[in-house]
């Protein structure tokens, strides 16, 4: 994975964010091993390996650091959007998600298109019809 982006969430509840974001993905990795998602929890975070992208979440005294890695800008956008949505929808805290590589003014339709691309990528991977680069 040769390109990356980072995001920082300042909070006293970083571990709650990690649990809330990772638990649904961990459940998915167990019920759908054909997706190829690997989840590894650590004492201070988690690593999510999608095969086409990777995301590392680390909790520290100041909050939560998230690092996304991928081989293409499109894949990087998709994994960043996935993590943003999981942190927003599965956490009970407000989130100001600004990734280091992405413009801060990405609109809702652009975010929706990224997630559609992610779901299409996972569907192709599941059905064995190749990957999208």
Protein backbone atom coordinates (compact mmCIF):
# COMPACT_ATOMS: atom_id res chain seq x y z
CA UNK A 1 0.00 0.00 0.00
CA UNK A 2 1.79 3.08 -1.17
CA UNK A 3 -0.47 6.04 -0.37
CA UNK A 4 -2.03 6.98 2.93
CA UNK A 5 -4.16 9.47 4.78
CA UNK A 6 -4.57 10.21 8.47
CA UNK A 7 -7.35 11.56 10.64
CA UNK A 8 -7.28 12.62 14.28
CA UNK A 9 -10.29 12.56 16.62
CA UNK A 10 -9.72 14.47 19.85
CA UNK A 11 -11.73 12.71 22.54
CA UNK A 12 -11.42 11.08 25.92
CA UNK A 13 -13.42 8.13 24.57
CA UNK A 14 -11.14 6.90 21.79
CA UNK A 15 -11.56 3.27 22.85
CA UNK A 16 -15.34 3.65 22.52
CA UNK A 17 -14.90 4.89 18.96
CA UNK A 18 -12.70 1.91 18.09
CA UNK A 19 -15.14 -0.60 19.57
CA UNK A 20 -18.15 1.01 17.91
CA UNK A 21 -16.48 1.16 14.49
CA UNK A 22 -14.73 -2.21 14.57
CA UNK A 23 -17.41 -4.49 16.07
CA UNK A 24 -19.71 -4.51 13.00
CA UNK A 25 -16.74 -5.08 10.68
CA UNK A 26 -15.41 -7.82 12.94
CA UNK A 27 -18.82 -9.51 12.89
CA UNK A 28 -18.89 -9.22 9.09
CA UNK A 29 -15.43 -10.79 8.83
CA UNK A 30 -16.65 -13.78 10.85
CA UNK A 31 -19.98 -14.27 9.05
CA UNK A 32 -18.59 -13.57 5.56
CA UNK A 33 -14.99 -14.86 5.44
CA UNK A 34 -15.25 -14.82 1.63
CA UNK A 35 -15.00 -11.01 1.76
CA UNK A 36 -11.38 -11.38 2.85
CA UNK A 37 -11.64 -8.80 5.63
CA UNK A 38 -9.18 -9.43 8.46
CA UNK A 39 -9.61 -7.67 11.81
CA UNK A 40 -6.90 -7.66 14.44
CA UNK A 41 -7.56 -5.96 17.75
CA UNK A 42 -4.77 -4.71 19.98
CA UNK A 43 -4.78 -3.33 23.50
CA UNK A 44 -4.85 0.22 22.11
CA UNK A 45 -6.72 -0.10 18.82
CA UNK A 46 -7.26 -2.30 15.79
CA UNK A 47 -6.05 -3.04 12.28
CA UNK A 48 -8.52 -3.68 9.48
CA UNK A 49 -7.13 -5.31 6.33
CA UNK A 50 -9.54 -5.32 3.41
CA UNK A 51 -7.01 -6.80 0.98
CA UNK A 52 -7.27 -3.73 -1.28
CA UNK A 53 -6.81 -1.25 1.59
CA UNK A 54 -5.84 -1.19 5.24
CA UNK A 55 -6.84 0.95 8.20
CA UNK A 56 -5.08 1.26 11.56
CA UNK A 57 -6.87 2.79 14.57
CA UNK A 58 -4.80 3.70 17.62
CA UNK A 59 -6.03 5.18 20.89
CA UNK A 60 -3.74 7.46 22.89
CA UNK A 61 -4.13 10.02 25.68
CA UNK A 62 -5.34 12.72 23.26
CA UNK A 63 -7.90 10.62 21.41
CA UNK A 64 -7.95 8.44 18.33
CA UNK A 65 -5.54 8.37 15.40
CA UNK A 66 -6.69 6.69 12.19
CA UNK A 67 -4.36 5.84 9.31
CA UNK A 68 -5.76 4.55 6.02
CA UNK A 69 -3.53 2.99 3.35
CA UNK A 70 -4.22 1.89 -0.23
CA UNK A 71 -2.57 1.50 -3.62
CA UNK A 72 -4.79 3.93 -5.54
CA UNK A 73 -6.40 7.28 -4.73
CA UNK A 74 -9.84 5.81 -5.46
CA UNK A 75 -9.31 2.94 -3.01
CA UNK A 76 -7.95 5.38 -0.42
CA UNK A 77 -11.05 7.58 -0.77
CA UNK A 78 -13.28 4.53 -0.35
CA UNK A 79 -11.58 3.22 2.79
CA UNK A 80 -11.52 6.71 4.32
CA UNK A 81 -15.23 7.10 3.63
CA UNK A 82 -15.94 3.66 5.06
CA UNK A 83 -14.11 4.46 8.29
CA UNK A 84 -15.73 7.90 8.54
CA UNK A 85 -19.18 6.37 8.19
CA UNK A 86 -18.48 3.61 10.70
CA UNK A 87 -17.12 6.07 13.23
CA UNK A 88 -20.07 8.43 12.69
CA UNK A 89 -22.87 5.88 12.61
CA UNK A 90 -21.67 3.42 15.24
CA UNK A 91 -20.31 5.90 17.74
CA UNK A 92 -22.47 8.10 19.93
CA UNK A 93 -20.16 11.10 19.75
CA UNK A 94 -20.11 13.88 17.13
CA UNK A 95 -17.26 13.48 14.66
CA UNK A 96 -15.43 16.10 12.64
CA UNK A 97 -13.74 13.78 10.16
CA UNK A 98 -11.04 15.54 8.17
CA UNK A 99 -8.57 13.28 6.42
CA UNK A 100 -5.13 14.64 5.55
CA UNK A 101 -5.46 13.87 1.83
CA UNK A 102 -9.08 14.83 1.15
CA UNK A 103 -10.67 18.23 0.63
CA UNK A 104 -12.73 19.21 3.67
CA UNK A 105 -15.68 20.28 1.51
CA UNK A 106 -16.57 16.88 0.07
CA UNK A 107 -20.33 16.94 -0.43
CA UNK A 108 -22.88 14.33 0.57
CA UNK A 109 -23.32 13.02 -2.99
CA UNK A 110 -19.55 12.60 -3.37
CA UNK A 111 -19.45 10.65 -0.10
CA UNK A 112 -22.38 8.51 -1.27
CA UNK A 113 -20.58 7.78 -4.56
CA UNK A 114 -17.47 6.67 -2.66
CA UNK A 115 -19.52 4.21 -0.62
CA UNK A 116 -21.22 2.89 -3.74
CA UNK A 117 -17.76 2.26 -5.15
CA UNK A 118 -16.76 0.46 -1.96
CA UNK A 119 -19.83 -1.79 -2.06
CA UNK A 120 -19.25 -2.54 -5.75
CA UNK A 121 -15.62 -3.43 -4.96
CA UNK A 122 -16.66 -5.79 -2.16
CA UNK A 123 -19.35 -7.37 -4.34
CA UNK A 124 -16.86 -8.07 -7.15
CA UNK A 125 -14.41 -9.51 -4.62
CA UNK A 126 -17.14 -11.75 -3.15
CA UNK A 127 -18.32 -13.01 -6.54
CA UNK A 128 -14.79 -13.48 -7.90
CA UNK A 129 -15.18 -10.97 -10.71
CA UNK A 130 -11.90 -9.16 -10.08
CA UNK A 131 -11.09 -5.93 -8.34
CA UNK A 132 -11.45 -2.27 -9.17
CA UNK A 133 -8.32 -0.13 -9.26
